[in-house]
Amino acid sequence: CPAFPDRFTSLEHAREFCTEFFTYYNHEHRHSGIGLHTPASVHYDTARDVHDQRQATLDAAWRTHPDRFTRRPRPPALPTTVWINKPAAQPANLQNT
């Protein structure tokens, strides 16, 4: 993962760095909060296909080497809701005001 520098030497340096960083963050880095998918995979609705492919790979490993598993392996669950900054839960008495 590209690490943010302490400071950028120029606007061009900042643009170059951010282009590389956000490409990595959105298209390569698998996030634990979204089932080890990339944000792009969730956004462009390919996460279900990736999840199914992962399950097929795990099923093949399970059939080939059942002694390595105590139960059928499963990939992380697909996210049902995704937040960037999840709003804080409001107390019940403030929800209908």
PDB file of N, CA and C in Angstrom:
ATOM      1  N   CYS A   1       0.845  -1.180   0.000  1.00  0.00           N
ATOM      2  CA  CYS A   1       0.000   0.000   0.000  1.00  0.00           C
ATOM      3  C   CYS A   1       0.889   1.240   0.000  1.00  0.00           C
ATOM      4  N   PRO A   2       0.611   2.162  -0.871  1.00  0.00           N
ATOM      5  CA  PRO A   2       1.390   3.405  -0.840  1.00  0.00           C
ATOM      6  C   PRO A   2       1.136   4.152   0.473  1.00  0.00           C
ATOM      7  N   ALA A   3       2.188   4.568   1.131  1.00  0.00           N
ATOM      8  CA  ALA A   3       2.060   5.296   2.400  1.00  0.00           C
ATOM      9  C   ALA A   3       2.089   6.798   2.122  1.00  0.00           C
ATOM     10  N   PHE A   4       1.182   7.514   2.749  1.00  0.00           N
ATOM     11  CA  PHE A   4       1.133   8.962   2.558  1.00  0.00           C
ATOM     12  C   PHE A   4       2.444   9.602   3.013  1.00  0.00           C
ATOM     13  N   PRO A   5       2.992  10.484   2.197  1.00  0.00           N
ATOM     14  CA  PRO A   5       4.192  11.202   2.628  1.00  0.00           C
ATOM     15  C   PRO A   5       3.823  12.229   3.702  1.00  0.00           C
ATOM     16  N   ASP A   6       4.814  12.689   4.450  1.00  0.00           N
ATOM     17  CA  ASP A   6       4.546  13.716   5.458  1.00  0.00           C
ATOM     18  C   ASP A   6       4.011  14.984   4.805  1.00  0.00           C
ATOM     19  N   ARG A   7       4.560  15.308   3.645  1.00  0.00           N
ATOM     20  CA  ARG A   7       4.057  16.453   2.887  1.00  0.00           C
ATOM     21  C   ARG A   7       4.344  16.231   1.418  1.00  0.00           C
ATOM     22  N   PHE A   8       3.580  16.910   0.614  1.00  0.00           N
ATOM     23  CA  PHE A   8       3.786  16.841  -0.828  1.00  0.00           C
ATOM     24  C   PHE A   8       4.695  17.990  -1.247  1.00  0.00           C
ATOM     25  N   THR A   9       5.533  17.733  -2.220  1.00  0.00           N
ATOM     26  CA  THR A   9       6.480  18.761  -2.665  1.00  0.00           C
ATOM     27  C   THR A   9       5.864  19.729  -3.658  1.00  0.00           C
ATOM     28  N   SER A  10       4.727  19.328  -4.251  1.00  0.00           N
ATOM     29  CA  SER A  10       4.056  20.196  -5.223  1.00  0.00           C
ATOM     30  C   SER A  10       2.645  19.668  -5.445  1.00  0.00           C
ATOM     31  N   LEU A  11       1.843  20.453  -6.125  1.00  0.00           N
ATOM     32  CA  LEU A  11       0.500  20.024  -6.478  1.00  0.00           C
ATOM     33  C   LEU A  11       0.571  18.801  -7.392  1.00  0.00           C
ATOM     34  N   GLU A  12       1.510  18.806  -8.304  1.00  0.00           N
ATOM     35  CA  GLU A  12       1.681  17.655  -9.208  1.00  0.00           C
ATOM     36  C   GLU A  12       2.056  16.396  -8.424  1.00  0.00           C
ATOM     37  N   HIS A  13       2.928  16.534  -7.442  1.00  0.00           N
ATOM     38  CA  HIS A  13       3.298  15.402  -6.587  1.00  0.00           C
ATOM     39  C   HIS A  13       2.062  14.852  -5.864  1.00  0.00           C
ATOM     40  N   ALA A  14       1.237  15.737  -5.341  1.00  0.00           N
ATOM     41  CA  ALA A  14       0.012  15.319  -4.641  1.00  0.00           C
ATOM     42  C   ALA A  14      -0.931  14.589  -5.597  1.00  0.00           C
ATOM     43  N   ARG A  15      -1.092  15.116  -6.793  1.00  0.00           N
ATOM     44  CA  ARG A  15      -1.980  14.478  -7.773  1.00  0.00           C
ATOM     45  C   ARG A  15      -1.461  13.097  -8.180  1.00  0.00           C
ATOM     46  N   GLU A  16      -0.175  12.992  -8.423  1.00  0.00           N
ATOM     47  CA  GLU A  16       0.405  11.703  -8.799  1.00  0.00           C
ATOM     48  C   GLU A  16       0.232  10.680  -7.682  1.00  0.00           C
ATOM     49  N   PHE A  17       0.542  11.110  -6.454  1.00  0.00           N
ATOM     50  CA  PHE A  17       0.414  10.198  -5.332  1.00  0.00           C
ATOM     51  C   PHE A  17      -1.040   9.754  -5.145  1.00  0.00           C
ATOM     52  N   CYS A  18      -1.956  10.713  -5.160  1.00  0.00           N
ATOM     53  CA  CYS A  18      -3.368  10.379  -4.913  1.00  0.00           C
ATOM     54  C   CYS A  18      -3.947   9.491  -6.006  1.00  0.00           C
ATOM     55  N   THR A  19      -3.529   9.694  -7.234  1.00  0.00           N
ATOM     56  CA  THR A  19      -3.982   8.822  -8.321  1.00  0.00           C
ATOM     57  C   THR A  19      -3.565   7.383  -8.036  1.00  0.00           C
ATOM     58  N   GLU A  20      -2.298   7.183  -7.670  1.00  0.00           N
ATOM     59  CA  GLU A  20      -1.809   5.842  -7.363  1.00  0.00           C
ATOM     60  C   GLU A  20      -2.488   5.276  -6.110  1.00  0.00           C
ATOM     61  N   PHE A  21      -2.595   6.094  -5.064  1.00  0.00           N
ATOM     62  CA  PHE A  21      -3.160   5.627  -3.805  1.00  0.00           C
ATOM     63  C   PHE A  21      -4.622   5.212  -3.965  1.00  0.00           C
ATOM     64  N   PHE A  22      -5.440   6.059  -4.574  1.00  0.00           N
ATOM     65  CA  PHE A  22      -6.863   5.747  -4.665  1.00  0.00           C
ATOM     66  C   PHE A  22      -7.152   4.630  -5.660  1.00  0.00           C
ATOM     67  N   THR A  23      -6.313   4.479  -6.670  1.00  0.00           N
ATOM     68  CA  THR A  23      -6.450   3.327  -7.561  1.00  0.00           C
ATOM     69  C   THR A  23      -6.200   2.047  -6.767  1.00  0.00           C
ATOM     70  N   TYR A  24      -5.120   2.029  -5.989  1.00  0.00           N
ATOM     71  CA  TYR A  24      -4.826   0.879  -5.137  1.00  0.00           C
ATOM     72  C   TYR A  24      -5.974   0.626  -4.144  1.00  0.00           C
ATOM     73  N   TYR A  25      -6.397   1.662  -3.437  1.00  0.00           N
ATOM     74  CA  TYR A  25      -7.395   1.536  -2.378  1.00  0.00           C
ATOM     75  C   TYR A  25      -8.725   1.007  -2.924  1.00  0.00           C
ATOM     76  N   ASN A  26      -9.131   1.482  -4.085  1.00  0.00           N
ATOM     77  CA  ASN A  26     -10.438   1.115  -4.631  1.00  0.00           C
ATOM     78  C   ASN A  26     -10.443  -0.152  -5.471  1.00  0.00           C
ATOM     79  N   HIS A  27      -9.315  -0.523  -6.067  1.00  0.00           N
ATOM     80  CA  HIS A  27      -9.305  -1.636  -7.017  1.00  0.00           C
ATOM     81  C   HIS A  27      -8.440  -2.822  -6.615  1.00  0.00           C
ATOM     82  N   GLU A  28      -7.562  -2.660  -5.626  1.00  0.00           N
ATOM     83  CA  GLU A  28      -6.666  -3.754  -5.253  1.00  0.00           C
ATOM     84  C   GLU A  28      -6.820  -4.192  -3.799  1.00  0.00           C
ATOM     85  N   HIS A  29      -6.959  -3.230  -2.895  1.00  0.00           N
ATOM     86  CA  HIS A  29      -7.021  -3.539  -1.463  1.00  0.00           C
ATOM     87  C   HIS A  29      -8.352  -4.191  -1.112  1.00  0.00           C
ATOM     88  N   ARG A  30      -8.276  -5.349  -0.466  1.00  0.00           N
ATOM     89  CA  ARG A  30      -9.487  -6.040  -0.039  1.00  0.00           C
ATOM     90  C   ARG A  30      -9.797  -5.639   1.401  1.00  0.00           C
ATOM     91  N   HIS A  31     -10.986  -5.125   1.605  1.00  0.00           N
ATOM     92  CA  HIS A  31     -11.380  -4.540   2.884  1.00  0.00           C
ATOM     93  C   HIS A  31     -12.135  -5.560   3.732  1.00  0.00           C
ATOM     94  N   SER A  32     -11.722  -5.714   4.970  1.00  0.00           N
ATOM     95  CA  SER A  32     -12.371  -6.685   5.853  1.00  0.00           C
ATOM     96  C   SER A  32     -13.829  -6.315   6.125  1.00  0.00           C
ATOM     97  N   GLY A  33     -14.152  -5.040   6.150  1.00  0.00           N
ATOM     98  CA  GLY A  33     -15.518  -4.607   6.443  1.00  0.00           C
ATOM     99  C   GLY A  33     -16.511  -4.875   5.321  1.00  0.00           C
ATOM    100  N   ILE A  34     -16.006  -5.250   4.143  1.00  0.00           N
ATOM    101  CA  ILE A  34     -16.899  -5.560   3.016  1.00  0.00           C
ATOM    102  C   ILE A  34     -16.579  -6.950   2.457  1.00  0.00           C
ATOM    103  N   GLY A  35     -16.335  -7.892   3.368  1.00  0.00           N
ATOM    104  CA  GLY A  35     -16.172  -9.291   2.985  1.00  0.00           C
ATOM    105  C   GLY A  35     -14.919  -9.581   2.182  1.00  0.00           C
ATOM    106  N   LEU A  36     -13.867  -8.827   2.403  1.00  0.00           N
ATOM    107  CA  LEU A  36     -12.600  -8.959   1.681  1.00  0.00           C
ATOM    108  C   LEU A  36     -12.764  -8.722   0.176  1.00  0.00           C
ATOM    109  N   HIS A  37     -13.656  -7.810  -0.140  1.00  0.00           N
ATOM    110  CA  HIS A  37     -13.829  -7.362  -1.525  1.00  0.00           C
ATOM    111  C   HIS A  37     -13.199  -5.982  -1.666  1.00  0.00           C
ATOM    112  N   THR A  38     -13.002  -5.568  -2.900  1.00  0.00           N
ATOM    113  CA  THR A  38     -12.540  -4.209  -3.140  1.00  0.00           C
ATOM    114  C   THR A  38     -13.762  -3.297  -3.197  1.00  0.00           C
ATOM    115  N   PRO A  39     -13.606  -2.021  -2.888  1.00  0.00           N
ATOM    116  CA  PRO A  39     -14.736  -1.106  -3.030  1.00  0.00           C
ATOM    117  C   PRO A  39     -15.287  -1.111  -4.464  1.00  0.00           C
ATOM    118  N   ALA A  40     -14.415  -1.215  -5.457  1.00  0.00           N
ATOM    119  CA  ALA A  40     -14.880  -1.232  -6.852  1.00  0.00           C
ATOM    120  C   ALA A  40     -15.750  -2.454  -7.116  1.00  0.00           C
ATOM    121  N   SER A  41     -15.379  -3.611  -6.572  1.00  0.00           N
ATOM    122  CA  SER A  41     -16.168  -4.820  -6.772  1.00  0.00           C
ATOM    123  C   SER A  41     -17.570  -4.679  -6.169  1.00  0.00           C
ATOM    124  N   VAL A  42     -17.656  -4.077  -5.006  1.00  0.00           N
ATOM    125  CA  VAL A  42     -18.965  -3.862  -4.385  1.00  0.00           C
ATOM    126  C   VAL A  42     -19.746  -2.804  -5.167  1.00  0.00           C
ATOM    127  N   HIS A  43     -19.094  -1.728  -5.531  1.00  0.00           N
ATOM    128  CA  HIS A  43     -19.758  -0.632  -6.246  1.00  0.00           C
ATOM    129  C   HIS A  43     -20.280  -1.076  -7.613  1.00  0.00           C
ATOM    130  N   TYR A  44     -19.463  -1.814  -8.350  1.00  0.00           N
ATOM    131  CA  TYR A  44     -19.851  -2.227  -9.706  1.00  0.00           C
ATOM    132  C   TYR A  44     -20.594  -3.554  -9.725  1.00  0.00           C
ATOM    133  N   ASP A  45     -20.976  -4.048  -8.553  1.00  0.00           N
ATOM    134  CA  ASP A  45     -21.830  -5.221  -8.399  1.00  0.00           C
ATOM    135  C   ASP A  45     -21.221  -6.509  -8.956  1.00  0.00           C
ATOM    136  N   THR A  46     -19.908  -6.671  -8.787  1.00  0.00           N
ATOM    137  CA  THR A  46     -19.270  -7.930  -9.167  1.00  0.00           C
ATOM    138  C   THR A  46     -18.929  -8.781  -7.939  1.00  0.00           C
ATOM    139  N   ALA A  47     -19.269  -8.289  -6.759  1.00  0.00           N
ATOM    140  CA  ALA A  47     -18.920  -8.995  -5.518  1.00  0.00           C
ATOM    141  C   ALA A  47     -19.581 -10.370  -5.445  1.00  0.00           C
ATOM    142  N   ARG A  48     -20.807 -10.507  -5.911  1.00  0.00           N
ATOM    143  CA  ARG A  48     -21.491 -11.812  -5.882  1.00  0.00           C
ATOM    144  C   ARG A  48     -20.723 -12.820  -6.736  1.00  0.00           C
ATOM    145  N   ASP A  49     -20.277 -12.422  -7.927  1.00  0.00           N
ATOM    146  CA  ASP A  49     -19.512 -13.329  -8.787  1.00  0.00           C
ATOM    147  C   ASP A  49     -18.190 -13.719  -8.132  1.00  0.00           C
ATOM    148  N   VAL A  50     -17.516 -12.752  -7.516  1.00  0.00           N
ATOM    149  CA  VAL A  50     -16.258 -13.028  -6.823  1.00  0.00           C
ATOM    150  C   VAL A  50     -16.514 -13.986  -5.656  1.00  0.00           C
ATOM    151  N   HIS A  51     -17.575 -13.741  -4.904  1.00  0.00           N
ATOM    152  CA  HIS A  51     -17.935 -14.598  -3.773  1.00  0.00           C
ATOM    153  C   HIS A  51     -18.197 -16.023  -4.253  1.00  0.00           C
ATOM    154  N   ASP A  52     -18.944 -16.179  -5.340  1.00  0.00           N
ATOM    155  CA  ASP A  52     -19.252 -17.509  -5.870  1.00  0.00           C
ATOM    156  C   ASP A  52     -17.983 -18.218  -6.350  1.00  0.00           C
ATOM    157  N   GLN A  53     -17.079 -17.476  -6.961  1.00  0.00           N
ATOM    158  CA  GLN A  53     -15.813 -18.057  -7.413  1.00  0.00           C
ATOM    159  C   GLN A  53     -14.967 -18.510  -6.214  1.00  0.00           C
ATOM    160  N   ARG A  54     -14.950 -17.698  -5.167  1.00  0.00           N
ATOM    161  CA  ARG A  54     -14.227 -18.084  -3.951  1.00  0.00           C
ATOM    162  C   ARG A  54     -14.815 -19.361  -3.367  1.00  0.00           C
ATOM    163  N   GLN A  55     -16.161 -19.453  -3.337  1.00  0.00           N
ATOM    164  CA  GLN A  55     -16.800 -20.649  -2.789  1.00  0.00           C
ATOM    165  C   GLN A  55     -16.452 -21.868  -3.624  1.00  0.00           C
ATOM    166  N   ALA A  56     -16.433 -21.747  -4.939  1.00  0.00           N
ATOM    167  CA  ALA A  56     -16.068 -22.878  -5.804  1.00  0.00           C
ATOM    168  C   ALA A  56     -14.637 -23.331  -5.531  1.00  0.00           C
ATOM    169  N   THR A  57     -13.728 -22.393  -5.334  1.00  0.00           N
ATOM    170  CA  THR A  57     -12.337 -22.733  -5.026  1.00  0.00           C
ATOM    171  C   THR A  57     -12.241 -23.443  -3.681  1.00  0.00           C
ATOM    172  N   LEU A  58     -12.965 -22.929  -2.683  1.00  0.00           N
ATOM    173  CA  LEU A  58     -12.956 -23.569  -1.361  1.00  0.00           C
ATOM    174  C   LEU A  58     -13.590 -24.953  -1.402  1.00  0.00           C
ATOM    175  N   ASP A  59     -14.662 -25.107  -2.189  1.00  0.00           N
ATOM    176  CA  ASP A  59     -15.303 -26.421  -2.326  1.00  0.00           C
ATOM    177  C   ASP A  59     -14.347 -27.429  -2.950  1.00  0.00           C
ATOM    178  N   ALA A  60     -13.592 -26.999  -3.961  1.00  0.00           N
ATOM    179  CA  ALA A  60     -12.632 -27.897  -4.604  1.00  0.00           C
ATOM    180  C   ALA A  60     -11.541 -28.311  -3.614  1.00  0.00           C
ATOM    181  N   ALA A  61     -11.072 -27.379  -2.814  1.00  0.00           N
ATOM    182  CA  ALA A  61     -10.054 -27.698  -1.806  1.00  0.00           C
ATOM    183  C   ALA A  61     -10.624 -28.659  -0.763  1.00  0.00           C
ATOM    184  N   TRP A  62     -11.868 -28.436  -0.382  1.00  0.00           N
ATOM    185  CA  TRP A  62     -12.526 -29.281   0.615  1.00  0.00           C
ATOM    186  C   TRP A  62     -12.702 -30.709   0.100  1.00  0.00           C
ATOM    187  N   ARG A  63     -13.102 -30.837  -1.194  1.00  0.00           N
ATOM    188  CA  ARG A  63     -13.260 -32.171  -1.783  1.00  0.00           C
ATOM    189  C   ARG A  63     -11.905 -32.879  -1.938  1.00  0.00           C
ATOM    190  N   THR A  64     -10.884 -32.128  -2.298  1.00  0.00           N
ATOM    191  CA  THR A  64      -9.564 -32.705  -2.540  1.00  0.00           C
ATOM    192  C   THR A  64      -8.856 -33.095  -1.251  1.00  0.00           C
ATOM    193  N   HIS A  65      -8.997 -32.284  -0.223  1.00  0.00           N
ATOM    194  CA  HIS A  65      -8.288 -32.512   1.050  1.00  0.00           C
ATOM    195  C   HIS A  65      -9.231 -32.331   2.237  1.00  0.00           C
ATOM    196  N   PRO A  66     -10.244 -33.181   2.382  1.00  0.00           N
ATOM    197  CA  PRO A  66     -11.196 -32.992   3.487  1.00  0.00           C
ATOM    198  C   PRO A  66     -10.547 -33.091   4.866  1.00  0.00           C
ATOM    199  N   ASP A  67      -9.417 -33.775   4.949  1.00  0.00           N
ATOM    200  CA  ASP A  67      -8.727 -33.922   6.236  1.00  0.00           C
ATOM    201  C   ASP A  67      -8.148 -32.602   6.740  1.00  0.00           C
ATOM    202  N   ARG A  68      -8.047 -31.613   5.881  1.00  0.00           N
ATOM    203  CA  ARG A  68      -7.509 -30.310   6.294  1.00  0.00           C
ATOM    204  C   ARG A  68      -8.565 -29.399   6.922  1.00  0.00           C
ATOM    205  N   PHE A  69      -9.808 -29.835   6.901  1.00  0.00           N
ATOM    206  CA  PHE A  69     -10.904 -28.970   7.352  1.00  0.00           C
ATOM    207  C   PHE A  69     -11.714 -29.660   8.443  1.00  0.00           C
ATOM    208  N   THR A  70     -12.210 -28.861   9.381  1.00  0.00           N
ATOM    209  CA  THR A  70     -13.120 -29.390  10.399  1.00  0.00           C
ATOM    210  C   THR A  70     -14.571 -29.211   9.978  1.00  0.00           C
ATOM    211  N   ARG A  71     -14.807 -28.350   8.997  1.00  0.00           N
ATOM    212  CA  ARG A  71     -16.142 -28.119   8.427  1.00  0.00           C
ATOM    213  C   ARG A  71     -15.958 -27.513   7.038  1.00  0.00           C
ATOM    214  N   ARG A  72     -17.038 -27.449   6.291  1.00  0.00           N
ATOM    215  CA  ARG A  72     -16.969 -26.882   4.948  1.00  0.00           C
ATOM    216  C   ARG A  72     -16.549 -25.410   5.034  1.00  0.00           C
ATOM    217  N   PRO A  73     -15.495 -25.034   4.315  1.00  0.00           N
ATOM    218  CA  PRO A  73     -15.053 -23.631   4.375  1.00  0.00           C
ATOM    219  C   PRO A  73     -15.994 -22.715   3.611  1.00  0.00           C
ATOM    220  N   ARG A  74     -16.109 -21.510   4.088  1.00  0.00           N
ATOM    221  CA  ARG A  74     -16.957 -20.479   3.466  1.00  0.00           C
ATOM    222  C   ARG A  74     -16.161 -19.189   3.341  1.00  0.00           C
ATOM    223  N   PRO A  75     -16.342 -18.470   2.241  1.00  0.00           N
ATOM    224  CA  PRO A  75     -15.717 -17.144   2.149  1.00  0.00           C
ATOM    225  C   PRO A  75     -16.444 -16.171   3.069  1.00  0.00           C
ATOM    226  N   PRO A  76     -15.845 -15.023   3.363  1.00  0.00           N
ATOM    227  CA  PRO A  76     -16.538 -14.036   4.195  1.00  0.00           C
ATOM    228  C   PRO A  76     -17.885 -13.654   3.567  1.00  0.00           C
ATOM    229  N   ALA A  77     -18.844 -13.362   4.410  1.00  0.00           N
ATOM    230  CA  ALA A  77     -20.181 -13.000   3.938  1.00  0.00           C
ATOM    231  C   ALA A  77     -20.139 -11.711   3.117  1.00  0.00           C
ATOM    232  N   LEU A  78     -21.034 -11.647   2.150  1.00  0.00           N
ATOM    233  CA  LEU A  78     -21.162 -10.421   1.371  1.00  0.00           C
ATOM    234  C   LEU A  78     -21.769  -9.333   2.245  1.00  0.00           C
ATOM    235  N   PRO A  79     -21.351  -8.101   2.032  1.00  0.00           N
ATOM    236  CA  PRO A  79     -21.941  -7.020   2.822  1.00  0.00           C
ATOM    237  C   PRO A  79     -23.388  -6.793   2.414  1.00  0.00           C
ATOM    238  N   THR A  80     -24.231  -6.465   3.379  1.00  0.00           N
ATOM    239  CA  THR A  80     -25.622  -6.121   3.064  1.00  0.00           C
ATOM    240  C   THR A  80     -25.810  -4.610   3.045  1.00  0.00           C
ATOM    241  N   THR A  81     -24.997  -3.914   3.821  1.00  0.00           N
ATOM    242  CA  THR A  81     -24.999  -2.457   3.882  1.00  0.00           C
ATOM    243  C   THR A  81     -23.552  -1.999   3.967  1.00  0.00           C
ATOM    244  N   VAL A  82     -23.237  -0.964   3.228  1.00  0.00           N
ATOM    245  CA  VAL A  82     -21.874  -0.444   3.227  1.00  0.00           C
ATOM    246  C   VAL A  82     -21.918   1.033   3.574  1.00  0.00           C
ATOM    247  N   TRP A  83     -21.065   1.444   4.489  1.00  0.00           N
ATOM    248  CA  TRP A  83     -21.001   2.844   4.913  1.00  0.00           C
ATOM    249  C   TRP A  83     -19.578   3.358   4.770  1.00  0.00           C
ATOM    250  N   ILE A  84     -19.449   4.616   4.456  1.00  0.00           N
ATOM    251  CA  ILE A  84     -18.149   5.267   4.570  1.00  0.00           C
ATOM    252  C   ILE A  84     -18.029   5.800   5.990  1.00  0.00           C
ATOM    253  N   ASN A  85     -19.023   6.537   6.425  1.00  0.00           N
ATOM    254  CA  ASN A  85     -19.106   7.027   7.803  1.00  0.00           C
ATOM    255  C   ASN A  85     -20.513   6.734   8.296  1.00  0.00           C
ATOM    256  N   LYS A  86     -20.669   5.606   8.974  1.00  0.00           N
ATOM    257  CA  LYS A  86     -21.983   5.201   9.456  1.00  0.00           C
ATOM    258  C   LYS A  86     -22.477   6.192  10.500  1.00  0.00           C
ATOM    259  N   PRO A  87     -23.701   6.696  10.322  1.00  0.00           N
ATOM    260  CA  PRO A  87     -24.241   7.623  11.321  1.00  0.00           C
ATOM    261  C   PRO A  87     -24.380   6.936  12.678  1.00  0.00           C
ATOM    262  N   ALA A  88     -24.174   7.690  13.708  1.00  0.00           N
ATOM    263  CA  ALA A  88     -24.340   7.166  15.059  1.00  0.00           C
ATOM    264  C   ALA A  88     -25.813   6.846  15.285  1.00  0.00           C
ATOM    265  N   ALA A  89     -26.053   5.775  15.994  1.00  0.00           N
ATOM    266  CA  ALA A  89     -27.429   5.410  16.329  1.00  0.00           C
ATOM    267  C   ALA A  89     -28.017   6.463  17.252  1.00  0.00           C
ATOM    268  N   GLN A  90     -29.247   6.846  16.962  1.00  0.00           N
ATOM    269  CA  GLN A  90     -29.916   7.828  17.809  1.00  0.00           C
ATOM    270  C   GLN A  90     -30.756   7.124  18.857  1.00  0.00           C
ATOM    271  N   PRO A  91     -30.854   7.679  20.045  1.00  0.00           N
ATOM    272  CA  PRO A  91     -31.739   7.091  21.055  1.00  0.00           C
ATOM    273  C   PRO A  91     -33.183   7.024  20.527  1.00  0.00           C
ATOM    274  N   ALA A  92     -33.941   6.037  20.966  1.00  0.00           N
ATOM    275  CA  ALA A  92     -35.309   5.821  20.477  1.00  0.00           C
ATOM    276  C   ALA A  92     -36.181   7.050  20.621  1.00  0.00           C
ATOM    277  N   ASN A  93     -35.997   7.825  21.690  1.00  0.00           N
ATOM    278  CA  ASN A  93     -36.859   8.983  21.917  1.00  0.00           C
ATOM    279  C   ASN A  93     -36.552  10.139  20.946  1.00  0.00           C
ATOM    280  N   LEU A  94     -35.455  10.085  20.203  1.00  0.00           N
ATOM    281  CA  LEU A  94     -35.125  11.132  19.244  1.00  0.00           C
ATOM    282  C   LEU A  94     -35.374  10.726  17.806  1.00  0.00           C
ATOM    283  N   GLN A  95     -35.710   9.469  17.553  1.00  0.00           N
ATOM    284  CA  GLN A  95     -35.854   8.989  16.186  1.00  0.00           C
ATOM    285  C   GLN A  95     -37.060   9.564  15.468  1.00  0.00           C
ATOM    286  N   ASN A  96     -38.121   9.875  16.159  1.00  0.00           N
ATOM    287  CA  ASN A  96     -39.348  10.352  15.509  1.00  0.00           C
ATOM    288  C   ASN A  96     -39.605  11.838  15.733  1.00  0.00           C
ATOM    289  N   THR A  97     -38.560  12.602  15.898  1.00  0.00           N
ATOM    290  CA  THR A  97     -38.767  14.040  16.129  1.00  0.00           C
ATOM    291  C   THR A  97     -38.532  14.826  14.870  1.00  0.00           C
TER     292      THR A  97
END
